[in-house]
Amino acid sequence: MRVLNLSTVLQEFCDHNHRKFQGIAENGGPDQRASKGRDDRWAGGKVTRMRETSSVAIVAPFMGEILSSLPLLAYAAPVADNKPRIDYDAIIVGGGPAGLAALSALARVRRNVLLVDSGEYRNAATRHQHDVLGYDGVTPAYYKWFARKQLSNYDTVTMTNGTISKILPQQNNTYFTVSGTYPDNKEITFTARKIVLATGLRDLLPDTPGVRENWGQGLYWCMWCDGHEHADQALGLLGPLTTVPGTVREVLSVNTDVIAFVNGTDTEANRAATEKSDPRWQDYLKLHNIQVENRTIAAIERLRDGSLPPGDPSLPTHAEHDLFRVRFTEGEPILRDSFLTSYKEEQHSSLGVDMGVKMLGNKLTADQSKGLMTNVPGVYAIGDCNSDNVTNVPHALFTGKRAGVYLHVQLERENEAAELAALDGKSSVSRRSFHEHARSLWDRMNGEKGDLLYAGSFDQELQNGERNY
């Protein structure tokens, strides 16, 4: 509890700096020090002569504001201050296309936003990304680099590499504390009014030798992303029997020489499950000469690298001629040029679940009518990780934009409510208003820690139990 008194606030500030200036004069001037941020440095030169500085000289630049504060501070009374410090309007976790799209949307309306990127991406191993207008055929790394380069021109947003480990809602979800580490293992904690989860998915690859080693290099999971580069080639399907009919429908316009490697899943139970969803699936496969190979796969061996020789980088697409040998635990091997997979995936991060976000299957539930907000107020889920079951770059861009727009408007709705509440109470100024005005005055006179006039935190003595004023 603090009793605000203008004269004591100003006197304490002036006395503190008077003593500081005397010390500076004796020691030859201030050292260079950080003032406003990690990259800013003290801009002034050495103080070579400073014998005495009066209180009047210290407060003179702020005299207009001091005088304007008198009507408010004359009525000051004891008040407790629990208002949290909020670092950002929003923190985005994840720097893939979805996270970058959300950052772009918020940058365009000058929101103060931090994006934290772990540098782990689902499509990192993919040779080129496709079906992204204007960027067809570029590498995933180039696409993200160029997007970050453009976004760096907006001065209200910050991008950094790091890993977020915990997000905790505070004060009825009015803000969140976000904790994690930078790549150098330095621990970080920030606060934000809103959270955007763009944390993506992780493919659950089998332990079969050759799958993980060749992932994204002739073994792909998205027909639209990589299928065209392997058109008219001998294609293998990797996945359980139940996925085969649906996958065949995706590929027939591009590949007609198709073998489904179901790896021991052609069982009576799986046949019955497949017939339940697709009663004539066997007739459909026979009609298109699709062979089902049920032997257990021992390994997939690369015989030729389809990235060599490299294609013309100026073209959006060019053929990739990979070649693989599929070995089984028994019998003769089979050669295939490429594979389309149907493996399961999981959330790349547990942050959403840890906060209480509900799951729909293995996806974070997101309400499209509320800008992809989850059931946890103030938390949005975008890109592959959310429950709309679409996983590609254009979709990621759309969801990031959608959440960014809704989040921005929601922040302003909250600002509006607070402003109108303050307007309604204007005739009887609250005690908190006195306190906040005094804090604002102190901070304007005080500057940042490390500045020449810095006299300590407004609450420092209160926190230490040394002084009330």
Foldseek 3Di string as FASTA:
>chain_A
DFFDDLVVLLVLLLVLLQVLLCVLQVVFADDKDDFDDDPDIDDDDIDHHDNGDGSCNLCVVVVVVSVVLVVLSVPFGDDDDDDDDAQFQEEEEAQALLSLLLLVLQLVVLGQYEYEHQPDDQLQLAPAWAPDPPRQQHRRVVVSVVSVVVSVVRPRYYYAYWDWDAWAADDQLQKIWIWTAHPVRHIDIHMHRFYEYAQAWHFDDDPAAPPVVCENQQEEADCRTPVQLQFAWQEEEEEAPLCPLVVCVVPVVGYLNYEYARAQRPDPVSVVVSCVVPVCSVVVCVVSVYHYHHFHWRHKAWDDGQCPPPDDSVDSHHHGFTKIWTHGPDDDIDITRGYHYDTDIAGPDCHCVVHPFDDDVRAGEFDVVQLQATPRPRYHYAANRHDPNDHDSVRSSVSSNSNSVSSVVVVVVVVVVVVVVCVVCVVPDDSVVSVVSSQVSCCVSAGGPPDSSHSDHPCVCVVVVNDHD
